């Protein structure tokens, strides 16, 4: 969930959009070992809800893996 500009992991209750992945894939995204687009292509990461808004929000984050 992104609240007041801060992303925090939740169980998704009350979210309009959700990104789902394993903790290993999340670590790969944060460290740059994988890109969001590549993991989405393989189905390792999925977004439910408003995908466009979710991608825009993630691309504003610092880790390069979330911006590509």
Protein backbone atom coordinates (compact mmCIF):
# COMPACT_ATOMS: atom_id res chain seq x y z
CA UNK A 1 0.00 0.00 0.00
CA UNK A 2 1.26 3.49 -0.74
CA UNK A 3 0.16 5.93 1.94
CA UNK A 4 1.37 9.51 2.06
CA UNK A 5 4.15 8.68 -0.38
CA UNK A 6 5.47 5.73 1.63
CA UNK A 7 5.20 2.15 0.34
CA UNK A 8 4.59 -0.50 2.95
CA UNK A 9 3.80 -4.21 2.65
CA UNK A 10 0.29 -5.22 3.72
CA UNK A 11 -2.13 -8.07 3.26
CA UNK A 12 -3.91 -5.91 0.68
CA UNK A 13 -7.03 -5.16 2.68
CA UNK A 14 -8.53 -1.91 1.41
CA UNK A 15 -6.12 -1.50 -1.52
CA UNK A 16 -7.41 -0.53 -4.94
CA UNK A 17 -4.41 -2.17 -6.64
CA UNK A 18 -1.98 -4.84 -5.55
CA UNK A 19 1.39 -6.15 -6.70
CA UNK A 20 1.97 -9.83 -5.90
CA UNK A 21 5.34 -11.58 -5.93
CA UNK A 22 7.55 -13.74 -3.79
CA UNK A 23 9.91 -12.19 -1.28
CA UNK A 24 12.77 -13.43 -3.47
CA UNK A 25 11.40 -11.59 -6.53
CA UNK A 26 10.87 -8.45 -4.43
CA UNK A 27 14.51 -8.64 -3.29
CA UNK A 28 15.60 -9.05 -6.93
CA UNK A 29 13.62 -5.94 -7.88
CA UNK A 30 15.05 -3.86 -5.05
CA UNK A 31 18.64 -4.90 -5.74
CA UNK A 32 18.45 -4.57 -9.53
CA UNK A 33 18.96 -8.27 -10.24
CA UNK A 34 15.61 -8.26 -12.07
CA UNK A 35 13.34 -5.72 -13.70
CA UNK A 36 9.64 -5.32 -13.12
CA UNK A 37 8.85 -5.67 -16.81
CA UNK A 38 10.82 -8.92 -17.12
CA UNK A 39 9.18 -10.47 -14.05
CA UNK A 40 5.74 -9.40 -15.25
CA UNK A 41 6.39 -11.02 -18.64
CA UNK A 42 7.18 -14.34 -16.96
CA UNK A 43 4.21 -14.10 -14.58
CA UNK A 44 6.47 -13.98 -11.51
CA UNK A 45 4.92 -10.59 -10.65
CA UNK A 46 1.29 -9.69 -11.14
CA UNK A 47 -0.70 -6.53 -10.58
CA UNK A 48 -4.41 -6.56 -9.85
CA UNK A 49 -6.55 -3.45 -9.98
CA UNK A 50 -5.33 -0.31 -11.74
CA UNK A 51 -2.14 -1.55 -13.37
CA UNK A 52 -1.30 1.76 -15.02
CA UNK A 53 -1.45 3.75 -11.77
CA UNK A 54 0.51 1.06 -9.96
CA UNK A 55 3.28 1.14 -12.58
CA UNK A 56 3.41 4.95 -12.46
CA UNK A 57 3.77 4.86 -8.67
CA UNK A 58 6.47 2.17 -8.78
CA UNK A 59 8.46 4.02 -11.43
CA UNK A 60 8.74 6.94 -9.01
CA UNK A 61 10.72 4.72 -6.61
CA UNK A 62 14.51 4.70 -6.43
CA UNK A 63 15.34 1.05 -7.23
CA UNK A 64 16.11 0.70 -10.94
CA UNK A 65 14.36 -2.69 -11.03
CA UNK A 66 11.03 -1.02 -10.27
CA UNK A 67 11.48 1.62 -12.95
CA UNK A 68 12.05 -0.72 -15.90
